[in-house]
Amino acid sequence: MLTEQVAYINSMYGIRILLNSLSLLIDMVRFTNLGVRLLIGSQRTINESGYFPAFSSLLHLLTCVAVLISLVEHCEQTYSQRVRIIRFIDHLLINKNPDDDLRSAVNELRELVQDRPVTFNMANFFTLNYSLLISIASVVVTYTIILLQSVK
C-alpha cells in the first residue's frame, strides 16, 4: 500500500515538481547573475540606490535555494526511515530471538522494504535526493560564470 501511495504521489505531482524546480533553477541563475552584476557595478540601476537591488536579488536567490533544500530534505527524511526500519528489524532478529512465525513475518517485511525502496522523482527524470542539490548548484555556478563572461 505504501508503494502504491508513492507511485500516486510521483504520478500526480512529478510534473509539477519538475516544472517548479526548473523555474527555481532559472530564477537562481537570473538572481545570481543580477546580484553579482550589481555588486561589481557592471549593471546600472535607474536611481543610485546603492547595494539594495543586489541584496534583494541575493535574498531572492536564497529563497529559491531554501525551497529546493526543503523539498529534498523532506524526501531524504523519508528515505532514512527505510534504513531505520531495517536496523530495527535486524535488532529484533538478532537480539530478541523471536519465535518462528514472527521471524518469518519480519523477514518478509525486511525483504519487502529492501526490494521496494520509497523514492520520489520528478516525472521519472530525476530522483529527489542530495545529489540533485549538488547538480543544481553546479548548473547555477556554471551558467553564472558563462553569463558573467559576457559582461563588458
C-alpha atoms as a PDB file:
ATOM      1  CA  MET A   1       0.000   0.000   0.000  1.00  0.00           C
ATOM      2  CA  LEU A   2       2.888   2.346   0.758  1.00  0.00           C
ATOM      3  CA  THR A   3       4.477   1.799  -2.644  1.00  0.00           C
ATOM      4  CA  GLU A   4       1.103   2.483  -4.281  1.00  0.00           C
ATOM      5  CA  GLN A   5       0.914   5.795  -2.440  1.00  0.00           C
ATOM      6  CA  VAL A   6       4.439   6.723  -3.549  1.00  0.00           C
ATOM      7  CA  ALA A   7       3.560   5.859  -7.154  1.00  0.00           C
ATOM      8  CA  TYR A   8       0.434   8.018  -6.866  1.00  0.00           C
ATOM      9  CA  ILE A   9       2.411  10.967  -5.476  1.00  0.00           C
ATOM     10  CA  ASN A  10       5.020  10.602  -8.219  1.00  0.00           C
ATOM     11  CA  SER A  11       2.390  10.462 -10.966  1.00  0.00           C
ATOM     12  CA  MET A  12       0.258  13.328  -9.630  1.00  0.00           C
ATOM     13  CA  TYR A  13       2.982  15.725  -8.539  1.00  0.00           C
ATOM     14  CA  GLY A  14       6.068  14.669 -10.522  1.00  0.00           C
ATOM     15  CA  ILE A  15       5.439  17.041 -13.437  1.00  0.00           C
ATOM     16  CA  ARG A  16       4.559  19.903 -11.090  1.00  0.00           C
ATOM     17  CA  ILE A  17       7.699  19.398  -9.047  1.00  0.00           C
ATOM     18  CA  LEU A  18       9.770  19.191 -12.245  1.00  0.00           C
ATOM     19  CA  LEU A  19       8.338  22.422 -13.670  1.00  0.00           C
ATOM     20  CA  ASN A  20       8.638  24.268 -10.369  1.00  0.00           C
ATOM     21  CA  SER A  21      12.219  23.065  -9.944  1.00  0.00           C
ATOM     22  CA  LEU A  22      13.118  24.218 -13.449  1.00  0.00           C
ATOM     23  CA  SER A  23      11.552  27.591 -12.712  1.00  0.00           C
ATOM     24  CA  LEU A  24      13.537  27.816  -9.485  1.00  0.00           C
ATOM     25  CA  LEU A  25      16.712  26.872 -11.343  1.00  0.00           C
ATOM     26  CA  ILE A  26      16.177  29.629 -13.906  1.00  0.00           C
ATOM     27  CA  ASP A  27      15.397  32.115 -11.135  1.00  0.00           C
ATOM     28  CA  MET A  28      18.522  31.103  -9.237  1.00  0.00           C
ATOM     29  CA  VAL A  29      20.717  31.703 -12.286  1.00  0.00           C
ATOM     30  CA  ARG A  30      18.963  35.008 -13.000  1.00  0.00           C
ATOM     31  CA  PHE A  31      19.163  36.310  -9.432  1.00  0.00           C
ATOM     32  CA  THR A  32      22.785  35.221  -9.020  1.00  0.00           C
ATOM     33  CA  ASN A  33      23.764  36.877 -12.271  1.00  0.00           C
ATOM     34  CA  LEU A  34      21.887  40.088 -11.464  1.00  0.00           C
ATOM     35  CA  GLY A  35      23.189  40.231  -7.903  1.00  0.00           C
ATOM     36  CA  VAL A  36      26.809  39.771  -8.959  1.00  0.00           C
ATOM     37  CA  ARG A  37      26.476  42.312 -11.776  1.00  0.00           C
ATOM     38  CA  LEU A  38      25.023  44.860  -9.387  1.00  0.00           C
ATOM     39  CA  LEU A  39      27.749  44.211  -6.827  1.00  0.00           C
ATOM     40  CA  ILE A  40      30.614  44.617  -9.283  1.00  0.00           C
ATOM     41  CA  GLY A  41      28.976  47.670 -10.844  1.00  0.00           C
ATOM     42  CA  SER A  42      28.533  46.439 -14.403  1.00  0.00           C
ATOM     43  CA  GLN A  43      24.736  46.680 -14.147  1.00  0.00           C
ATOM     44  CA  ARG A  44      23.320  50.146 -13.591  1.00  0.00           C
ATOM     45  CA  THR A  45      20.000  50.917 -11.953  1.00  0.00           C
ATOM     46  CA  ILE A  46      17.682  53.801 -12.784  1.00  0.00           C
ATOM     47  CA  ASN A  47      18.347  55.520  -9.492  1.00  0.00           C
ATOM     48  CA  GLU A  48      21.507  55.177  -7.499  1.00  0.00           C
ATOM     49  CA  SER A  49      20.095  53.081  -4.675  1.00  0.00           C
ATOM     50  CA  GLY A  50      23.349  51.557  -3.547  1.00  0.00           C
ATOM     51  CA  TYR A  51      23.522  47.880  -2.764  1.00  0.00           C
ATOM     52  CA  PHE A  52      19.815  47.366  -2.111  1.00  0.00           C
ATOM     53  CA  PRO A  53      18.997  45.776  -5.542  1.00  0.00           C
ATOM     54  CA  ALA A  54      21.956  43.402  -5.230  1.00  0.00           C
ATOM     55  CA  PHE A  55      20.950  42.478  -1.690  1.00  0.00           C
ATOM     56  CA  SER A  56      17.359  41.947  -2.833  1.00  0.00           C
ATOM     57  CA  SER A  57      18.453  39.695  -5.703  1.00  0.00           C
ATOM     58  CA  LEU A  58      20.625  37.621  -3.402  1.00  0.00           C
ATOM     59  CA  LEU A  59      17.727  37.247  -0.937  1.00  0.00           C
ATOM     60  CA  HIS A  60      15.528  36.030  -3.798  1.00  0.00           C
ATOM     61  CA  LEU A  61      18.273  33.534  -4.618  1.00  0.00           C
ATOM     62  CA  LEU A  62      18.346  32.327  -1.004  1.00  0.00           C
ATOM     63  CA  THR A  63      14.564  31.894  -1.067  1.00  0.00           C
ATOM     64  CA  CYS A  64      14.806  29.666  -4.146  1.00  0.00           C
ATOM     65  CA  VAL A  65      17.595  27.667  -2.513  1.00  0.00           C
ATOM     66  CA  ALA A  66      15.555  27.266   0.679  1.00  0.00           C
ATOM     67  CA  VAL A  67      12.572  25.898  -1.248  1.00  0.00           C
ATOM     68  CA  LEU A  68      14.698  23.318  -3.058  1.00  0.00           C
ATOM     69  CA  ILE A  69      16.568  22.290   0.087  1.00  0.00           C
ATOM     70  CA  SER A  70      13.302  21.898   1.981  1.00  0.00           C
ATOM     71  CA  LEU A  71      11.835  19.711  -0.763  1.00  0.00           C
ATOM     72  CA  VAL A  72      14.880  17.454  -0.944  1.00  0.00           C
ATOM     73  CA  GLU A  73      15.294  17.334   2.846  1.00  0.00           C
ATOM     74  CA  HIS A  74      11.747  16.029   3.307  1.00  0.00           C
ATOM     75  CA  CYS A  75      12.356  13.329   0.700  1.00  0.00           C
ATOM     76  CA  GLU A  76      15.662  12.361   2.323  1.00  0.00           C
ATOM     77  CA  GLN A  77      13.969  12.088   5.720  1.00  0.00           C
ATOM     78  CA  THR A  78      11.561   9.590   4.179  1.00  0.00           C
ATOM     79  CA  TYR A  79      14.456   7.626   2.687  1.00  0.00           C
ATOM     80  CA  SER A  80      16.219   7.497   6.041  1.00  0.00           C
ATOM     81  CA  GLN A  81      13.149   5.867   7.606  1.00  0.00           C
ATOM     82  CA  ARG A  82      13.816   2.830   5.396  1.00  0.00           C
ATOM     83  CA  VAL A  83      17.257   2.455   6.950  1.00  0.00           C
ATOM     84  CA  ARG A  84      15.807   2.830  10.437  1.00  0.00           C
ATOM     85  CA  ILE A  85      13.206   0.132   9.745  1.00  0.00           C
ATOM     86  CA  ILE A  86      15.868  -2.292   8.503  1.00  0.00           C
ATOM     87  CA  ARG A  87      18.048  -1.572  11.563  1.00  0.00           C
ATOM     88  CA  PHE A  88      15.099  -2.167  13.864  1.00  0.00           C
ATOM     89  CA  ILE A  89      14.281  -5.461  12.153  1.00  0.00           C
ATOM     90  CA  ASP A  90      17.923  -6.563  12.369  1.00  0.00           C
ATOM     91  CA  HIS A  91      17.988  -5.678  16.056  1.00  0.00           C
ATOM     92  CA  LEU A  92      14.781  -7.625  16.619  1.00  0.00           C
ATOM     93  CA  LEU A  93      16.047 -10.694  14.775  1.00  0.00           C
ATOM     94  CA  ILE A  94      19.492 -10.743  16.371  1.00  0.00           C
ATOM     95  CA  ASN A  95      18.882  -9.631  19.940  1.00  0.00           C
ATOM     96  CA  LYS A  96      15.302 -10.620  20.759  1.00  0.00           C
ATOM     97  CA  ASN A  97      15.234 -14.149  19.267  1.00  0.00           C
ATOM     98  CA  PRO A  98      11.565 -14.140  18.159  1.00  0.00           C
ATOM     99  CA  ASP A  99       9.540 -17.296  17.548  1.00  0.00           C
ATOM    100  CA  ASP A 100       9.435 -18.816  14.052  1.00  0.00           C
ATOM    101  CA  ASP A 101       6.147 -17.217  12.955  1.00  0.00           C
ATOM    102  CA  LEU A 102       7.256 -13.722  13.915  1.00  0.00           C
ATOM    103  CA  ARG A 103      10.715 -14.325  12.460  1.00  0.00           C
ATOM    104  CA  SER A 104       9.290 -15.289   9.050  1.00  0.00           C
ATOM    105  CA  ALA A 105       6.882 -12.307   9.040  1.00  0.00           C
ATOM    106  CA  VAL A 106       9.641  -9.867   9.997  1.00  0.00           C
ATOM    107  CA  ASN A 107      11.999 -11.351   7.392  1.00  0.00           C
ATOM    108  CA  GLU A 108       9.279 -10.926   4.783  1.00  0.00           C
ATOM    109  CA  LEU A 109       8.829  -7.287   5.817  1.00  0.00           C
ATOM    110  CA  ARG A 110      12.588  -6.755   5.677  1.00  0.00           C
ATOM    111  CA  GLU A 111      12.801  -8.177   2.161  1.00  0.00           C
ATOM    112  CA  LEU A 112       9.876  -6.014   1.063  1.00  0.00           C
ATOM    113  CA  VAL A 113      11.439  -2.863   2.485  1.00  0.00           C
ATOM    114  CA  GLN A 114      14.807  -3.645   0.851  1.00  0.00           C
ATOM    115  CA  ASP A 115      13.433  -4.676  -2.533  1.00  0.00           C
ATOM    116  CA  ARG A 116      10.941  -1.831  -2.970  1.00  0.00           C
ATOM    117  CA  PRO A 117      12.505   1.369  -1.649  1.00  0.00           C
ATOM    118  CA  VAL A 118      10.469   4.550  -1.474  1.00  0.00           C
ATOM    119  CA  THR A 119      11.789   7.109  -3.970  1.00  0.00           C
ATOM    120  CA  PHE A 120      10.237  10.373  -5.043  1.00  0.00           C
ATOM    121  CA  ASN A 121      11.007  11.645  -8.507  1.00  0.00           C
ATOM    122  CA  MET A 122      10.292  14.472 -10.895  1.00  0.00           C
ATOM    123  CA  ALA A 123       8.246  12.851 -13.665  1.00  0.00           C
ATOM    124  CA  ASN A 124      10.713   9.921 -13.736  1.00  0.00           C
ATOM    125  CA  PHE A 125      13.542  12.243 -14.831  1.00  0.00           C
ATOM    126  CA  PHE A 126      15.329  12.866 -11.526  1.00  0.00           C
ATOM    127  CA  THR A 127      15.164  11.335  -8.092  1.00  0.00           C
ATOM    128  CA  LEU A 128      14.804  13.889  -5.331  1.00  0.00           C
ATOM    129  CA  ASN A 129      17.927  13.413  -3.226  1.00  0.00           C
ATOM    130  CA  TYR A 130      21.011  15.264  -2.050  1.00  0.00           C
ATOM    131  CA  SER A 131      22.943  14.610  -5.252  1.00  0.00           C
ATOM    132  CA  LEU A 132      20.275  16.579  -7.117  1.00  0.00           C
ATOM    133  CA  LEU A 133      21.129  19.611  -4.966  1.00  0.00           C
ATOM    134  CA  ILE A 134      24.802  19.292  -5.914  1.00  0.00           C
ATOM    135  CA  SER A 135      23.865  19.072  -9.586  1.00  0.00           C
ATOM    136  CA  ILE A 136      21.660  22.153  -9.332  1.00  0.00           C
ATOM    137  CA  ALA A 137      24.418  24.086  -7.580  1.00  0.00           C
ATOM    138  CA  SER A 138      26.905  23.170 -10.293  1.00  0.00           C
ATOM    139  CA  VAL A 139      24.463  24.262 -13.006  1.00  0.00           C
ATOM    140  CA  VAL A 140      23.861  27.606 -11.292  1.00  0.00           C
ATOM    141  CA  VAL A 141      27.589  28.246 -10.884  1.00  0.00           C
ATOM    142  CA  THR A 142      28.365  27.203 -14.466  1.00  0.00           C
ATOM    143  CA  TYR A 143      25.694  29.354 -16.065  1.00  0.00           C
ATOM    144  CA  THR A 144      26.525  32.300 -13.823  1.00  0.00           C
ATOM    145  CA  ILE A 145      30.164  32.123 -14.916  1.00  0.00           C
ATOM    146  CA  ILE A 146      29.102  31.903 -18.575  1.00  0.00           C
ATOM    147  CA  LEU A 147      26.768  34.887 -18.219  1.00  0.00           C
ATOM    148  CA  LEU A 148      29.336  36.945 -16.316  1.00  0.00           C
ATOM    149  CA  GLN A 149      31.923  36.386 -19.048  1.00  0.00           C
ATOM    150  CA  SER A 150      29.747  38.443 -21.361  1.00  0.00           C
ATOM    151  CA  VAL A 151      29.971  41.493 -19.052  1.00  0.00           C
ATOM    152  CA  LYS A 152      31.563  44.391 -20.895  1.00  0.00           C
END
